[in-house]
Amino acid sequence: MAVMGISRFERFFKAAGGLDVDKSDLRRYHEFLDAKLYDLLLIGQAKAKANGRDVIEPFDLPITKGLQESIHRFRRLDEEIEIEPILKLLARRPPLDLALSDVTEEKLPEIAGGLSHALSQAFRIMYPDRRNPQTTQWEGVQRIFDLLL
């Protein structure tokens, strides 16, 4: 990731959760984002198939009330940080059996942003005194997201 992208992510995590992240955190973050987007899309694919469709629509994705609120918070933060263009590159579509509709494809960066905001908040809740999360904290937060998504 370019230096400009790294500095935007650092600002985003500082603004969203008061976290200080570094390059190793960004690698972990990218792995987290890939895994959680895949999980959401996998469930969306199952729902689309169950309804006899061959395209995954936004309403197929299991977007909870909490994740929706995080997406809204991300939008407000993104107005000043402008990280969504970078998320378009990071929010890669994993290989699935079904195609994504254009609308679903367009929503992936915002969903990635909502997941990112929720991630920063999870660190603040689980480790309120930790400003620079380490491997142990990343693993703990990841386990919580794995339980919920």
N, C-alpha and C. Protein backbone atom coordinates (compact mmCIF):
# COMPACT_ATOMS: atom_id res chain seq x y z
N MET A 1 0.85 -1.17 0.00
CA MET A 1 0.00 0.00 0.00
C MET A 1 0.89 1.23 0.00
N ALA A 2 0.53 2.22 -0.77
CA ALA A 2 1.31 3.44 -0.86
C ALA A 2 1.32 4.19 0.47
N VAL A 3 2.35 5.02 0.67
CA VAL A 3 2.49 5.78 1.91
C VAL A 3 1.24 6.62 2.17
N MET A 4 0.67 7.22 1.12
CA MET A 4 -0.53 8.04 1.26
C MET A 4 -1.68 7.20 1.82
N GLY A 5 -1.82 5.97 1.34
CA GLY A 5 -2.87 5.09 1.84
C GLY A 5 -2.64 4.72 3.29
N ILE A 6 -1.40 4.47 3.65
CA ILE A 6 -1.07 4.10 5.03
C ILE A 6 -1.41 5.25 5.96
N SER A 7 -1.05 6.47 5.59
CA SER A 7 -1.33 7.60 6.47
C SER A 7 -2.84 7.83 6.62
N ARG A 8 -3.61 7.58 5.58
CA ARG A 8 -5.07 7.72 5.69
C ARG A 8 -5.64 6.67 6.65
N PHE A 9 -5.14 5.44 6.57
CA PHE A 9 -5.60 4.41 7.49
C PHE A 9 -5.21 4.76 8.92
N GLU A 10 -4.02 5.26 9.11
CA GLU A 10 -3.61 5.66 10.46
C GLU A 10 -4.55 6.73 10.99
N ARG A 11 -4.88 7.72 10.15
CA ARG A 11 -5.82 8.78 10.58
C ARG A 11 -7.20 8.22 10.85
N PHE A 12 -7.65 7.28 10.00
CA PHE A 12 -8.97 6.69 10.18
C PHE A 12 -9.06 5.98 11.54
N PHE A 13 -8.10 5.12 11.83
CA PHE A 13 -8.16 4.36 13.09
C PHE A 13 -7.98 5.27 14.30
N LYS A 14 -7.23 6.35 14.14
CA LYS A 14 -7.09 7.32 15.23
C LYS A 14 -8.43 8.03 15.46
N ALA A 15 -9.10 8.44 14.38
CA ALA A 15 -10.38 9.15 14.50
C ALA A 15 -11.50 8.22 14.96
N ALA A 16 -11.53 6.99 14.45
CA ALA A 16 -12.63 6.07 14.74
C ALA A 16 -12.54 5.45 16.12
N GLY A 17 -11.32 5.17 16.59
CA GLY A 17 -11.21 4.47 17.87
C GLY A 17 -10.07 4.91 18.75
N GLY A 18 -9.37 5.98 18.36
CA GLY A 18 -8.24 6.43 19.16
C GLY A 18 -7.07 5.46 19.14
N LEU A 19 -6.95 4.70 18.06
CA LEU A 19 -5.92 3.67 17.95
C LEU A 19 -4.72 4.17 17.15
N ASP A 20 -3.54 3.73 17.56
CA ASP A 20 -2.31 3.97 16.80
C ASP A 20 -1.96 2.67 16.11
N VAL A 21 -2.04 2.66 14.79
CA VAL A 21 -1.74 1.45 14.02
C VAL A 21 -0.45 1.64 13.24
N ASP A 22 0.19 0.52 12.92
CA ASP A 22 1.41 0.56 12.11
C ASP A 22 1.26 -0.41 10.95
N LYS A 23 2.34 -0.61 10.21
CA LYS A 23 2.26 -1.46 9.01
C LYS A 23 1.83 -2.88 9.33
N SER A 24 2.30 -3.46 10.43
CA SER A 24 1.89 -4.83 10.76
C SER A 24 0.40 -4.89 11.09
N ASP A 25 -0.13 -3.83 11.70
CA ASP A 25 -1.57 -3.76 11.96
C ASP A 25 -2.35 -3.69 10.66
N LEU A 26 -1.83 -2.98 9.69
CA LEU A 26 -2.53 -2.86 8.41
C LEU A 26 -2.58 -4.19 7.68
N ARG A 27 -1.54 -4.99 7.84
CA ARG A 27 -1.57 -6.34 7.25
C ARG A 27 -2.65 -7.18 7.93
N ARG A 28 -2.69 -7.12 9.26
CA ARG A 28 -3.72 -7.85 10.00
C ARG A 28 -5.12 -7.35 9.63
N TYR A 29 -5.24 -6.04 9.51
CA TYR A 29 -6.51 -5.42 9.14
C TYR A 29 -6.97 -5.92 7.76
N HIS A 30 -6.07 -5.99 6.81
CA HIS A 30 -6.40 -6.44 5.47
C HIS A 30 -6.88 -7.90 5.51
N GLU A 31 -6.21 -8.74 6.30
CA GLU A 31 -6.63 -10.14 6.45
C GLU A 31 -8.02 -10.21 7.09
N PHE A 32 -8.25 -9.39 8.10
CA PHE A 32 -9.56 -9.34 8.77
C PHE A 32 -10.64 -8.95 7.76
N LEU A 33 -10.37 -7.90 7.00
CA LEU A 33 -11.35 -7.40 6.04
C LEU A 33 -11.67 -8.44 4.98
N ASP A 34 -10.66 -9.10 4.45
CA ASP A 34 -10.88 -10.16 3.46
C ASP A 34 -11.78 -11.26 4.04
N ALA A 35 -11.47 -11.69 5.25
CA ALA A 35 -12.22 -12.79 5.86
C ALA A 35 -13.68 -12.40 6.12
N LYS A 36 -13.91 -11.22 6.66
CA LYS A 36 -15.28 -10.83 7.02
C LYS A 36 -16.12 -10.51 5.79
N LEU A 37 -15.53 -9.89 4.78
CA LEU A 37 -16.29 -9.67 3.55
C LEU A 37 -16.66 -11.00 2.90
N TYR A 38 -15.72 -11.93 2.91
CA TYR A 38 -16.02 -13.25 2.36
C TYR A 38 -17.16 -13.91 3.12
N ASP A 39 -17.13 -13.82 4.46
CA ASP A 39 -18.20 -14.41 5.27
C ASP A 39 -19.56 -13.80 4.91
N LEU A 40 -19.62 -12.47 4.80
CA LEU A 40 -20.88 -11.81 4.45
C LEU A 40 -21.37 -12.23 3.06
N LEU A 41 -20.44 -12.28 2.12
CA LEU A 41 -20.81 -12.65 0.75
C LEU A 41 -21.21 -14.12 0.64
N LEU A 42 -20.58 -14.97 1.43
CA LEU A 42 -20.93 -16.39 1.42
C LEU A 42 -22.36 -16.61 1.90
N ILE A 43 -22.75 -15.90 2.95
CA ILE A 43 -24.13 -15.99 3.44
C ILE A 43 -25.08 -15.37 2.43
N GLY A 44 -24.68 -14.26 1.82
CA GLY A 44 -25.50 -13.64 0.78
C GLY A 44 -25.71 -14.57 -0.40
N GLN A 45 -24.67 -15.30 -0.76
CA GLN A 45 -24.79 -16.26 -1.85
C GLN A 45 -25.79 -17.36 -1.50
N ALA A 46 -25.72 -17.86 -0.29
CA ALA A 46 -26.66 -18.92 0.14
C ALA A 46 -28.10 -18.40 0.10
N LYS A 47 -28.29 -17.17 0.53
CA LYS A 47 -29.64 -16.59 0.54
C LYS A 47 -30.15 -16.41 -0.90
N ALA A 48 -29.28 -15.91 -1.78
CA ALA A 48 -29.69 -15.73 -3.18
C ALA A 48 -30.05 -17.07 -3.82
N LYS A 49 -29.23 -18.08 -3.57
CA LYS A 49 -29.51 -19.42 -4.13
C LYS A 49 -30.83 -19.95 -3.59
N ALA A 50 -31.06 -19.77 -2.29
CA ALA A 50 -32.29 -20.26 -1.67
C ALA A 50 -33.53 -19.59 -2.28
N ASN A 51 -33.34 -18.38 -2.77
CA ASN A 51 -34.45 -17.64 -3.39
C ASN A 51 -34.46 -17.78 -4.91
N GLY A 52 -33.66 -18.71 -5.44
CA GLY A 52 -33.67 -19.01 -6.86
C GLY A 52 -33.05 -17.94 -7.75
N ARG A 53 -32.17 -17.13 -7.20
CA ARG A 53 -31.52 -16.09 -8.00
C ARG A 53 -30.06 -16.46 -8.26
N ASP A 54 -29.52 -15.96 -9.36
CA ASP A 54 -28.12 -16.24 -9.68
C ASP A 54 -27.24 -15.01 -9.51
N VAL A 55 -27.76 -13.98 -8.85
CA VAL A 55 -27.02 -12.76 -8.57
C VAL A 55 -27.24 -12.39 -7.11
N ILE A 56 -26.18 -11.99 -6.44
CA ILE A 56 -26.27 -11.57 -5.03
C ILE A 56 -26.63 -10.09 -4.99
N GLU A 57 -27.76 -9.80 -4.36
CA GLU A 57 -28.23 -8.42 -4.21
C GLU A 57 -27.87 -7.92 -2.80
N PRO A 58 -27.87 -6.60 -2.60
CA PRO A 58 -27.53 -6.06 -1.27
C PRO A 58 -28.39 -6.63 -0.14
N PHE A 59 -29.67 -6.86 -0.41
CA PHE A 59 -30.56 -7.38 0.64
C PHE A 59 -30.25 -8.83 0.99
N ASP A 60 -29.42 -9.50 0.22
CA ASP A 60 -29.00 -10.87 0.55
C ASP A 60 -27.93 -10.88 1.65
N LEU A 61 -27.22 -9.79 1.79
CA LEU A 61 -26.12 -9.73 2.75
C LEU A 61 -26.66 -9.57 4.17
N PRO A 62 -26.10 -10.28 5.12
CA PRO A 62 -26.60 -10.21 6.51
C PRO A 62 -26.06 -8.97 7.24
N ILE A 63 -26.56 -7.82 6.84
CA ILE A 63 -26.14 -6.56 7.46
C ILE A 63 -27.03 -6.32 8.68
N THR A 64 -26.42 -6.41 9.85
CA THR A 64 -27.16 -6.22 11.10
C THR A 64 -27.38 -4.74 11.38
N LYS A 65 -28.21 -4.45 12.34
CA LYS A 65 -28.46 -3.06 12.74
C LYS A 65 -27.15 -2.40 13.18
N GLY A 66 -26.36 -3.11 13.97
CA GLY A 66 -25.09 -2.56 14.44
C GLY A 66 -24.13 -2.28 13.30
N LEU A 67 -24.04 -3.20 12.35
CA LEU A 67 -23.15 -2.97 11.21
C LEU A 67 -23.67 -1.81 10.37
N GLN A 68 -24.98 -1.70 10.19
CA GLN A 68 -25.55 -0.58 9.45
C GLN A 68 -25.20 0.74 10.11
N GLU A 69 -25.28 0.80 11.43
CA GLU A 69 -24.91 2.02 12.16
C GLU A 69 -23.43 2.33 11.99
N SER A 70 -22.60 1.30 11.97
CA SER A 70 -21.16 1.50 11.74
C SER A 70 -20.90 2.01 10.33
N ILE A 71 -21.68 1.56 9.36
CA ILE A 71 -21.55 2.06 7.99
C ILE A 71 -21.88 3.55 7.96
N HIS A 72 -22.92 3.97 8.67
CA HIS A 72 -23.28 5.39 8.72
C HIS A 72 -22.17 6.20 9.39
N ARG A 73 -21.61 5.68 10.47
CA ARG A 73 -20.51 6.38 11.15
C ARG A 73 -19.29 6.46 10.24
N PHE A 74 -19.04 5.39 9.50
CA PHE A 74 -17.93 5.41 8.55
C PHE A 74 -18.12 6.50 7.51
N ARG A 75 -19.32 6.63 6.97
CA ARG A 75 -19.58 7.66 5.96
C ARG A 75 -19.24 9.05 6.48
N ARG A 76 -19.63 9.32 7.74
CA ARG A 76 -19.35 10.65 8.31
C ARG A 76 -17.84 10.86 8.45
N LEU A 77 -17.12 9.85 8.92
CA LEU A 77 -15.66 9.96 9.04
C LEU A 77 -14.99 10.06 7.67
N ASP A 78 -15.52 9.33 6.71
CA ASP A 78 -14.90 9.29 5.39
C ASP A 78 -14.95 10.64 4.68
N GLU A 79 -15.92 11.47 5.04
CA GLU A 79 -16.02 12.78 4.41
C GLU A 79 -14.75 13.59 4.65
N GLU A 80 -14.10 13.42 5.81
CA GLU A 80 -12.89 14.19 6.09
C GLU A 80 -11.61 13.41 5.78
N ILE A 81 -11.65 12.10 5.88
CA ILE A 81 -10.43 11.31 5.68
C ILE A 81 -10.29 10.80 4.26
N GLU A 82 -11.42 10.57 3.59
CA GLU A 82 -11.44 10.09 2.21
C GLU A 82 -10.68 8.77 2.04
N ILE A 83 -11.11 7.77 2.78
CA ILE A 83 -10.48 6.47 2.71
C ILE A 83 -11.22 5.50 1.79
N GLU A 84 -12.46 5.83 1.43
CA GLU A 84 -13.26 4.91 0.60
C GLU A 84 -12.59 4.54 -0.72
N PRO A 85 -11.90 5.46 -1.42
CA PRO A 85 -11.22 5.03 -2.66
C PRO A 85 -10.20 3.91 -2.42
N ILE A 86 -9.55 3.93 -1.28
CA ILE A 86 -8.58 2.88 -0.95
C ILE A 86 -9.32 1.58 -0.64
N LEU A 87 -10.46 1.70 0.04
CA LEU A 87 -11.25 0.51 0.36
C LEU A 87 -11.79 -0.15 -0.90
N LYS A 88 -12.02 0.61 -1.95
CA LYS A 88 -12.46 0.01 -3.22
C LYS A 88 -11.42 -0.98 -3.72
N LEU A 89 -10.15 -0.67 -3.50
CA LEU A 89 -9.09 -1.59 -3.90
C LEU A 89 -8.99 -2.77 -2.95
N LEU A 90 -9.18 -2.51 -1.65
CA LEU A 90 -9.04 -3.57 -0.65
C LEU A 90 -10.25 -4.50 -0.59
N ALA A 91 -11.43 -3.96 -0.88
CA ALA A 91 -12.66 -4.75 -0.79
C ALA A 91 -12.80 -5.63 -2.02
N ARG A 92 -11.83 -6.51 -2.16
CA ARG A 92 -11.84 -7.41 -3.31
C ARG A 92 -12.97 -8.40 -3.18
N ARG A 93 -13.49 -8.75 -4.30
CA ARG A 93 -14.57 -9.72 -4.31
C ARG A 93 -13.96 -11.11 -4.39
N PRO A 94 -14.18 -11.91 -3.36
CA PRO A 94 -13.65 -13.28 -3.40
C PRO A 94 -14.39 -14.12 -4.43
N PRO A 95 -13.76 -15.18 -4.92
CA PRO A 95 -14.45 -16.03 -5.89
C PRO A 95 -15.66 -16.72 -5.25
N LEU A 96 -16.78 -16.58 -5.90
CA LEU A 96 -18.04 -17.18 -5.44
C LEU A 96 -18.69 -17.90 -6.61
N ASP A 97 -19.71 -18.69 -6.31
CA ASP A 97 -20.47 -19.36 -7.36
C ASP A 97 -21.38 -18.41 -8.11
N LEU A 98 -21.85 -17.36 -7.41
CA LEU A 98 -22.78 -16.40 -8.01
C LEU A 98 -22.09 -15.06 -8.21
N ALA A 99 -22.60 -14.30 -9.14
CA ALA A 99 -22.10 -12.95 -9.40
C ALA A 99 -22.75 -11.96 -8.44
N LEU A 100 -22.08 -10.84 -8.25
CA LEU A 100 -22.66 -9.75 -7.47
C LEU A 100 -23.36 -8.80 -8.42
N SER A 101 -24.50 -8.27 -7.99
CA SER A 101 -25.14 -7.23 -8.79
C SER A 101 -24.24 -5.99 -8.75
N ASP A 102 -24.43 -5.10 -9.70
CA ASP A 102 -23.64 -3.86 -9.72
C ASP A 102 -23.84 -3.07 -8.44
N VAL A 103 -25.06 -3.04 -7.93
CA VAL A 103 -25.35 -2.30 -6.70
C VAL A 103 -24.60 -2.93 -5.53
N THR A 104 -24.58 -4.25 -5.44
CA THR A 104 -23.86 -4.93 -4.37
C THR A 104 -22.37 -4.63 -4.47
N GLU A 105 -21.84 -4.69 -5.67
CA GLU A 105 -20.42 -4.39 -5.90
C GLU A 105 -20.09 -2.97 -5.44
N GLU A 106 -20.97 -2.02 -5.74
CA GLU A 106 -20.76 -0.63 -5.35
C GLU A 106 -20.80 -0.43 -3.84
N LYS A 107 -21.55 -1.28 -3.14
CA LYS A 107 -21.70 -1.15 -1.69
C LYS A 107 -20.53 -1.77 -0.90
N LEU A 108 -19.73 -2.60 -1.54
CA LEU A 108 -18.65 -3.28 -0.82
C LEU A 108 -17.69 -2.33 -0.09
N PRO A 109 -17.25 -1.22 -0.70
CA PRO A 109 -16.36 -0.33 0.05
C PRO A 109 -17.01 0.25 1.31
N GLU A 110 -18.29 0.61 1.23
CA GLU A 110 -18.97 1.12 2.42
C GLU A 110 -19.14 0.04 3.48
N ILE A 111 -19.42 -1.17 3.05
CA ILE A 111 -19.53 -2.28 4.01
C ILE A 111 -18.17 -2.50 4.65
N ALA A 112 -17.11 -2.47 3.84
CA ALA A 112 -15.75 -2.60 4.38
C ALA A 112 -15.47 -1.47 5.38
N GLY A 113 -15.94 -0.27 5.07
CA GLY A 113 -15.78 0.85 5.98
C GLY A 113 -16.53 0.64 7.28
N GLY A 114 -17.74 0.11 7.19
CA GLY A 114 -18.52 -0.19 8.39
C GLY A 114 -17.85 -1.25 9.24
N LEU A 115 -17.32 -2.28 8.60
CA LEU A 115 -16.58 -3.31 9.33
C LEU A 115 -15.35 -2.70 10.00
N SER A 116 -14.70 -1.78 9.30
CA SER A 116 -13.51 -1.12 9.84
C SER A 116 -13.85 -0.28 11.06
N HIS A 117 -14.95 0.45 10.97
CA HIS A 117 -15.37 1.26 12.11
C HIS A 117 -15.74 0.36 13.29
N ALA A 118 -16.48 -0.69 13.02
CA ALA A 118 -16.85 -1.63 14.09
C ALA A 118 -15.61 -2.27 14.71
N LEU A 119 -14.62 -2.58 13.89
CA LEU A 119 -13.37 -3.15 14.38
C LEU A 119 -12.69 -2.20 15.36
N SER A 120 -12.60 -0.94 14.99
CA SER A 120 -11.95 0.04 15.87
C SER A 120 -12.71 0.17 17.19
N GLN A 121 -14.03 0.14 17.12
CA GLN A 121 -14.84 0.23 18.34
C GLN A 121 -14.69 -1.02 19.21
N ALA A 122 -14.56 -2.17 18.58
CA ALA A 122 -14.38 -3.41 19.33
C ALA A 122 -13.07 -3.37 20.12
N PHE A 123 -12.03 -2.82 19.53
CA PHE A 123 -10.76 -2.67 20.26
C PHE A 123 -10.96 -1.77 21.48
N ARG A 124 -11.69 -0.68 21.31
CA ARG A 124 -11.90 0.27 22.41
C ARG A 124 -12.71 -0.38 23.54
N ILE A 125 -13.68 -1.21 23.18
CA ILE A 125 -14.52 -1.85 24.19
C ILE A 125 -13.76 -2.96 24.91
N MET A 126 -13.08 -3.81 24.13
CA MET A 126 -12.40 -4.97 24.73
C MET A 126 -11.09 -4.60 25.44
N TYR A 127 -10.40 -3.58 24.93
CA TYR A 127 -9.09 -3.20 25.46
C TYR A 127 -9.03 -1.68 25.61
N PRO A 128 -9.80 -1.12 26.55
CA PRO A 128 -9.92 0.33 26.64
C PRO A 128 -8.60 1.07 26.92
N ASP A 129 -7.63 0.40 27.53
CA ASP A 129 -6.37 1.07 27.85
C ASP A 129 -5.30 0.85 26.78
N ARG A 130 -5.61 0.09 25.77
CA ARG A 130 -4.63 -0.24 24.72
C ARG A 130 -4.81 0.69 23.54
N ARG A 131 -3.79 1.45 23.22
CA ARG A 131 -3.85 2.36 22.06
C ARG A 131 -3.23 1.74 20.82
N ASN A 132 -2.26 0.86 21.01
CA ASN A 132 -1.59 0.21 19.88
C ASN A 132 -1.80 -1.29 20.02
N PRO A 133 -2.84 -1.83 19.36
CA PRO A 133 -3.16 -3.25 19.53
C PRO A 133 -2.03 -4.17 19.04
N GLN A 134 -1.81 -5.20 19.82
CA GLN A 134 -0.80 -6.20 19.50
C GLN A 134 -1.49 -7.47 18.99
N THR A 135 -0.71 -8.47 18.66
CA THR A 135 -1.25 -9.71 18.11
C THR A 135 -2.34 -10.30 18.99
N THR A 136 -2.14 -10.33 20.29
CA THR A 136 -3.12 -10.91 21.21
C THR A 136 -4.46 -10.19 21.12
N GLN A 137 -4.42 -8.86 21.05
CA GLN A 137 -5.66 -8.09 20.96
C GLN A 137 -6.33 -8.31 19.60
N TRP A 138 -5.54 -8.36 18.54
CA TRP A 138 -6.11 -8.64 17.22
C TRP A 138 -6.81 -9.99 17.20
N GLU A 139 -6.17 -10.99 17.80
CA GLU A 139 -6.78 -12.33 17.83
C GLU A 139 -8.07 -12.34 18.63
N GLY A 140 -8.10 -11.62 19.75
CA GLY A 140 -9.31 -11.55 20.57
C GLY A 140 -10.47 -10.90 19.83
N VAL A 141 -10.20 -9.79 19.18
CA VAL A 141 -11.25 -9.08 18.44
C VAL A 141 -11.71 -9.94 17.26
N GLN A 142 -10.78 -10.58 16.59
CA GLN A 142 -11.12 -11.46 15.46
C GLN A 142 -12.07 -12.57 15.92
N ARG A 143 -11.80 -13.16 17.08
CA ARG A 143 -12.67 -14.24 17.59
C ARG A 143 -14.08 -13.74 17.84
N ILE A 144 -14.22 -12.53 18.34
CA ILE A 144 -15.56 -11.96 18.57
C ILE A 144 -16.28 -11.78 17.24
N PHE A 145 -15.62 -11.23 16.25
CA PHE A 145 -16.24 -11.05 14.93
C PHE A 145 -16.59 -12.39 14.30
N ASP A 146 -15.74 -13.39 14.51
CA ASP A 146 -16.04 -14.72 13.97
C ASP A 146 -17.31 -15.30 14.59
N LEU A 147 -17.55 -14.99 15.85
CA LEU A 147 -18.76 -15.46 16.51
C LEU A 147 -20.01 -14.76 15.97
N LEU A 148 -19.87 -13.51 15.60
CA LEU A 148 -21.03 -12.70 15.24
C LEU A 148 -21.31 -12.61 13.74
N LEU A 149 -20.29 -12.77 12.92
CA LEU A 149 -20.49 -12.65 11.46
C LEU A 149 -20.23 -13.96 10.78
